[in-house]
Amino acid sequence: MLTALNSILTNSINSLGFNCSEELSKFAQVRTLTPIKTIKAFSEYVSGIH
């Protein structure tokens, strides 16, 4: 699934006229997904969901 997401992200950025490498797309995914996972983990901790 992440491979497909990476491909979509790379193609979307390139379609806007930017020259985006696959590595840049992977970096963007990590920078986006890390805060989401952190927020999810914190909210589960606060609400008592394990």
C-alpha atoms as a PDB file:
ATOM      1  CA  MET A   1       0.000   0.000   0.000  1.00  0.00           C
ATOM      2  CA  LEU A   2       2.816   2.427   0.802  1.00  0.00           C
ATOM      3  CA  THR A   3       4.347   1.748  -2.601  1.00  0.00           C
ATOM      4  CA  ALA A   4       1.106   2.787  -4.287  1.00  0.00           C
ATOM      5  CA  LEU A   5       0.827   5.866  -2.057  1.00  0.00           C
ATOM      6  CA  ASN A   6       4.413   6.802  -2.890  1.00  0.00           C
ATOM      7  CA  SER A   7       3.739   6.453  -6.610  1.00  0.00           C
ATOM      8  CA  ILE A   8       0.577   8.574  -6.390  1.00  0.00           C
ATOM      9  CA  LEU A   9       2.361  11.255  -4.386  1.00  0.00           C
ATOM     10  CA  THR A  10       5.322  11.351  -6.783  1.00  0.00           C
ATOM     11  CA  ASN A  11       3.071  11.524  -9.849  1.00  0.00           C
ATOM     12  CA  SER A  12       0.882  14.210  -8.277  1.00  0.00           C
ATOM     13  CA  ILE A  13       3.837  16.439  -7.429  1.00  0.00           C
ATOM     14  CA  ASN A  14       5.390  15.913 -10.866  1.00  0.00           C
ATOM     15  CA  SER A  15       2.074  16.735 -12.573  1.00  0.00           C
ATOM     16  CA  LEU A  16       2.242  20.173 -10.940  1.00  0.00           C
ATOM     17  CA  GLY A  17       5.480  20.852 -12.796  1.00  0.00           C
ATOM     18  CA  PHE A  18       7.934  19.986 -10.044  1.00  0.00           C
ATOM     19  CA  ASN A  19      10.689  17.443 -10.466  1.00  0.00           C
ATOM     20  CA  CYS A  20      10.114  15.155  -7.497  1.00  0.00           C
ATOM     21  CA  SER A  21      12.195  12.085  -6.899  1.00  0.00           C
ATOM     22  CA  GLU A  22      10.810   8.957  -5.303  1.00  0.00           C
ATOM     23  CA  GLU A  23      13.089   9.518  -2.303  1.00  0.00           C
ATOM     24  CA  LEU A  24      11.587  12.962  -1.721  1.00  0.00           C
ATOM     25  CA  SER A  25       8.111  11.423  -1.759  1.00  0.00           C
ATOM     26  CA  LYS A  26       9.181   8.821   0.806  1.00  0.00           C
ATOM     27  CA  PHE A  27      10.607  11.578   3.003  1.00  0.00           C
ATOM     28  CA  ALA A  28       7.334  13.519   2.731  1.00  0.00           C
ATOM     29  CA  GLN A  29       5.361  10.429   3.742  1.00  0.00           C
ATOM     30  CA  VAL A  30       7.500   9.875   6.832  1.00  0.00           C
ATOM     31  CA  ARG A  31       7.207  13.527   7.816  1.00  0.00           C
ATOM     32  CA  THR A  32       3.417  13.331   7.411  1.00  0.00           C
ATOM     33  CA  LEU A  33       2.740   9.919   8.948  1.00  0.00           C
ATOM     34  CA  THR A  34       4.964  10.326  12.022  1.00  0.00           C
ATOM     35  CA  PRO A  35       2.923  13.163  13.609  1.00  0.00           C
ATOM     36  CA  ILE A  36      -0.314  11.348  12.744  1.00  0.00           C
ATOM     37  CA  LYS A  37       0.897   8.195  14.519  1.00  0.00           C
ATOM     38  CA  THR A  38       2.094  10.263  17.484  1.00  0.00           C
ATOM     39  CA  ILE A  39      -1.257  12.036  17.813  1.00  0.00           C
ATOM     40  CA  LYS A  40      -3.122   8.735  17.463  1.00  0.00           C
ATOM     41  CA  ALA A  41      -0.989   7.078  20.152  1.00  0.00           C
ATOM     42  CA  PHE A  42      -1.433  10.032  22.504  1.00  0.00           C
ATOM     43  CA  SER A  43      -5.194  10.152  22.008  1.00  0.00           C
ATOM     44  CA  GLU A  44      -5.448   6.400  22.618  1.00  0.00           C
ATOM     45  CA  TYR A  45      -3.407   6.796  25.800  1.00  0.00           C
ATOM     46  CA  VAL A  46      -5.599   9.658  27.047  1.00  0.00           C
ATOM     47  CA  SER A  47      -8.826   7.837  26.237  1.00  0.00           C
ATOM     48  CA  GLY A  48      -7.561   4.583  27.738  1.00  0.00           C
ATOM     49  CA  ILE A  49      -7.686   2.581  24.499  1.00  0.00           C
ATOM     50  CA  HIS A  50      -4.864   0.047  24.190  1.00  0.00           C
END
